[in-house]
Amino acid sequence: MRSALLIGVLVAAVSGHAAAQAPDGKTLYDSMCKKCHGATGTPGAAMAKKFPKMLALSDAKASSSKGTAEEIVALLVKGKGEDMKSFKEKLKADEMAAVAKYVKELAAKK
C-alpha cells in the first residue's frame, strides 16, 4: 500500500514537472519575434518602414492568418529570404510549435 502511494506521488510529480517545462509560445515570441512583429502581431512604425512587405499577423494575406501552424513552423525553419533569418539554430522543434500556436492565436485576434 505504502509503495503504491509513493509511486502515485512520484508519477504525479513527474507529470507536473513535464507539463511545467512545456515551451511557452508567448514567452518565446516575446523574446524572439516581438521586436519585429510587435507585441500584438502588428509591426511598429519603424519595422513597417524597414520591412514594408511585413504584414500584421492578423492580415488576411499573411501566412500566419491563412496558413496552418505547420506552415508557420516551416517558415521558422527556412526563414524568409533576407527579411527573416531561420530560427532552426535558435529554437527546438517543440519551441517552434509553441511559437506557431501563439502566432495563430495572435492572427485570430482582429
C-alpha atoms as a PDB file:
ATOM      1  CA  MET A   1       0.000   0.000   0.000  1.00  0.00           C
ATOM      2  CA  ARG A   2       2.738   2.375   1.011  1.00  0.00           C
ATOM      3  CA  SER A   3       4.786   1.725  -2.152  1.00  0.00           C
ATOM      4  CA  ALA A   4       1.688   2.246  -4.329  1.00  0.00           C
ATOM      5  CA  LEU A   5       1.152   5.624  -2.683  1.00  0.00           C
ATOM      6  CA  LEU A   6       4.804   6.534  -3.203  1.00  0.00           C
ATOM      7  CA  ILE A   7       4.601   5.535  -6.880  1.00  0.00           C
ATOM      8  CA  GLY A   8       1.440   7.616  -7.300  1.00  0.00           C
ATOM      9  CA  VAL A   9       3.127  10.647  -5.771  1.00  0.00           C
ATOM     10  CA  LEU A  10       6.198  10.199  -7.981  1.00  0.00           C
ATOM     11  CA  VAL A  11       4.097   9.837 -11.148  1.00  0.00           C
ATOM     12  CA  ALA A  12       2.140  12.974 -10.255  1.00  0.00           C
ATOM     13  CA  ALA A  13       5.340  14.891  -9.574  1.00  0.00           C
ATOM     14  CA  VAL A  14       6.951  13.798 -12.833  1.00  0.00           C
ATOM     15  CA  SER A  15       3.783  14.567 -14.816  1.00  0.00           C
ATOM     16  CA  GLY A  16       3.502  18.009 -13.258  1.00  0.00           C
ATOM     17  CA  HIS A  17       7.187  18.651 -13.858  1.00  0.00           C
ATOM     18  CA  ALA A  18       6.936  17.665 -17.540  1.00  0.00           C
ATOM     19  CA  ALA A  19       3.910  19.884 -18.051  1.00  0.00           C
ATOM     20  CA  ALA A  20       5.625  22.775 -16.315  1.00  0.00           C
ATOM     21  CA  GLN A  21       8.517  22.529 -18.773  1.00  0.00           C
ATOM     22  CA  ALA A  22       6.399  22.650 -21.927  1.00  0.00           C
ATOM     23  CA  PRO A  23       7.559  25.604 -24.054  1.00  0.00           C
ATOM     24  CA  ASP A  24       5.602  28.809 -23.599  1.00  0.00           C
ATOM     25  CA  GLY A  25       4.823  30.248 -27.027  1.00  0.00           C
ATOM     26  CA  LYS A  26       4.154  33.757 -25.730  1.00  0.00           C
ATOM     27  CA  THR A  27       7.441  33.924 -23.823  1.00  0.00           C
ATOM     28  CA  LEU A  28       9.360  32.650 -26.850  1.00  0.00           C
ATOM     29  CA  TYR A  29       7.505  35.045 -29.159  1.00  0.00           C
ATOM     30  CA  ASP A  30       8.250  37.952 -26.828  1.00  0.00           C
ATOM     31  CA  SER A  31      11.962  37.148 -26.769  1.00  0.00           C
ATOM     32  CA  MET A  32      12.431  36.210 -30.440  1.00  0.00           C
ATOM     33  CA  CYS A  33       9.674  37.781 -32.559  1.00  0.00           C
ATOM     34  CA  LYS A  34       8.174  40.791 -30.803  1.00  0.00           C
ATOM     35  CA  LYS A  35      10.998  43.133 -31.784  1.00  0.00           C
ATOM     36  CA  CYS A  36       9.963  42.933 -35.440  1.00  0.00           C
ATOM     37  CA  HIS A  37       6.373  41.697 -35.370  1.00  0.00           C
ATOM     38  CA  GLY A  38       5.160  43.728 -32.388  1.00  0.00           C
ATOM     39  CA  ALA A  39       3.583  42.607 -29.122  1.00  0.00           C
ATOM     40  CA  THR A  40       0.166  42.157 -30.700  1.00  0.00           C
ATOM     41  CA  GLY A  41       1.387  40.865 -34.059  1.00  0.00           C
ATOM     42  CA  THR A  42       1.345  44.255 -35.757  1.00  0.00           C
ATOM     43  CA  PRO A  43       4.784  45.665 -36.620  1.00  0.00           C
ATOM     44  CA  GLY A  44       5.619  49.045 -35.160  1.00  0.00           C
ATOM     45  CA  ALA A  45       6.206  52.057 -37.415  1.00  0.00           C
ATOM     46  CA  ALA A  46      10.000  51.599 -37.590  1.00  0.00           C
ATOM     47  CA  MET A  47       9.746  47.929 -38.575  1.00  0.00           C
ATOM     48  CA  ALA A  48       6.942  48.633 -41.042  1.00  0.00           C
ATOM     49  CA  LYS A  49       9.174  51.238 -42.690  1.00  0.00           C
ATOM     50  CA  LYS A  50      12.230  48.971 -42.693  1.00  0.00           C
ATOM     51  CA  PHE A  51      10.281  45.931 -43.939  1.00  0.00           C
ATOM     52  CA  PRO A  52       7.342  47.274 -45.973  1.00  0.00           C
ATOM     53  CA  LYS A  53       6.288  43.769 -47.080  1.00  0.00           C
ATOM     54  CA  MET A  54       5.790  42.642 -43.468  1.00  0.00           C
ATOM     55  CA  LEU A  55       2.093  42.281 -42.748  1.00  0.00           C
ATOM     56  CA  ALA A  56       0.305  42.206 -39.432  1.00  0.00           C
ATOM     57  CA  LEU A  57      -0.154  38.597 -38.335  1.00  0.00           C
ATOM     58  CA  SER A  58      -3.921  39.090 -38.499  1.00  0.00           C
ATOM     59  CA  ASP A  59      -3.865  40.420 -42.075  1.00  0.00           C
ATOM     60  CA  ALA A  60      -5.896  38.096 -44.307  1.00  0.00           C
ATOM     61  CA  LYS A  61      -2.971  37.994 -46.772  1.00  0.00           C
ATOM     62  CA  ALA A  62      -0.406  36.994 -44.118  1.00  0.00           C
ATOM     63  CA  SER A  63       0.750  33.389 -43.996  1.00  0.00           C
ATOM     64  CA  SER A  64       0.090  33.439 -40.250  1.00  0.00           C
ATOM     65  CA  SER A  65      -3.554  34.225 -40.845  1.00  0.00           C
ATOM     66  CA  LYS A  66      -4.258  31.933 -43.769  1.00  0.00           C
ATOM     67  CA  GLY A  67      -1.681  29.203 -43.083  1.00  0.00           C
ATOM     68  CA  THR A  68      -1.501  26.349 -40.624  1.00  0.00           C
ATOM     69  CA  ALA A  69       0.726  26.090 -37.569  1.00  0.00           C
ATOM     70  CA  GLU A  70       2.809  23.553 -39.506  1.00  0.00           C
ATOM     71  CA  GLU A  71       3.367  26.110 -42.266  1.00  0.00           C
ATOM     72  CA  ILE A  72       4.466  28.678 -39.685  1.00  0.00           C
ATOM     73  CA  VAL A  73       6.944  26.154 -38.265  1.00  0.00           C
ATOM     74  CA  ALA A  74       8.259  25.586 -41.808  1.00  0.00           C
ATOM     75  CA  LEU A  75       8.717  29.353 -42.161  1.00  0.00           C
ATOM     76  CA  LEU A  76      10.599  29.462 -38.856  1.00  0.00           C
ATOM     77  CA  VAL A  77      12.858  26.651 -40.088  1.00  0.00           C
ATOM     78  CA  LYS A  78      13.504  28.133 -43.540  1.00  0.00           C
ATOM     79  CA  GLY A  79      13.299  31.835 -42.838  1.00  0.00           C
ATOM     80  CA  LYS A  80      12.058  34.270 -45.458  1.00  0.00           C
ATOM     81  CA  GLY A  81      14.907  35.477 -47.626  1.00  0.00           C
ATOM     82  CA  GLU A  82      16.849  38.429 -46.269  1.00  0.00           C
ATOM     83  CA  ASP A  83      13.865  39.727 -44.308  1.00  0.00           C
ATOM     84  CA  MET A  84      13.685  36.914 -41.751  1.00  0.00           C
ATOM     85  CA  LYS A  85      16.506  34.548 -40.898  1.00  0.00           C
ATOM     86  CA  SER A  86      15.924  30.909 -39.999  1.00  0.00           C
ATOM     87  CA  PHE A  87      15.322  30.046 -36.356  1.00  0.00           C
ATOM     88  CA  LYS A  88      16.372  26.389 -36.724  1.00  0.00           C
ATOM     89  CA  GLU A  89      19.579  27.027 -34.782  1.00  0.00           C
ATOM     90  CA  LYS A  90      17.824  29.047 -32.073  1.00  0.00           C
ATOM     91  CA  LEU A  91      14.632  27.112 -31.378  1.00  0.00           C
ATOM     92  CA  LYS A  92      13.896  23.422 -30.859  1.00  0.00           C
ATOM     93  CA  ALA A  93      11.022  21.781 -32.734  1.00  0.00           C
ATOM     94  CA  ASP A  94       8.669  21.893 -29.734  1.00  0.00           C
ATOM     95  CA  GLU A  95       9.530  25.549 -29.165  1.00  0.00           C
ATOM     96  CA  MET A  96       8.766  26.372 -32.810  1.00  0.00           C
ATOM     97  CA  ALA A  97       5.444  24.576 -32.462  1.00  0.00           C
ATOM     98  CA  ALA A  98       4.645  26.628 -29.347  1.00  0.00           C
ATOM     99  CA  VAL A  99       5.534  29.870 -31.150  1.00  0.00           C
ATOM    100  CA  ALA A 100       3.426  28.841 -34.153  1.00  0.00           C
ATOM    101  CA  LYS A 101       0.445  28.124 -31.903  1.00  0.00           C
ATOM    102  CA  TYR A 102       0.822  31.540 -30.252  1.00  0.00           C
ATOM    103  CA  VAL A 103       1.186  33.258 -33.642  1.00  0.00           C
ATOM    104  CA  LYS A 104      -2.065  31.606 -34.756  1.00  0.00           C
ATOM    105  CA  GLU A 105      -3.720  32.986 -31.600  1.00  0.00           C
ATOM    106  CA  LEU A 106      -2.436  36.483 -32.408  1.00  0.00           C
ATOM    107  CA  ALA A 107      -3.582  36.119 -36.013  1.00  0.00           C
ATOM    108  CA  ALA A 108      -7.076  35.212 -34.844  1.00  0.00           C
ATOM    109  CA  LYS A 109      -7.340  38.467 -32.854  1.00  0.00           C
ATOM    110  CA  LYS A 110      -8.556  41.183 -35.166  1.00  0.00           C
END
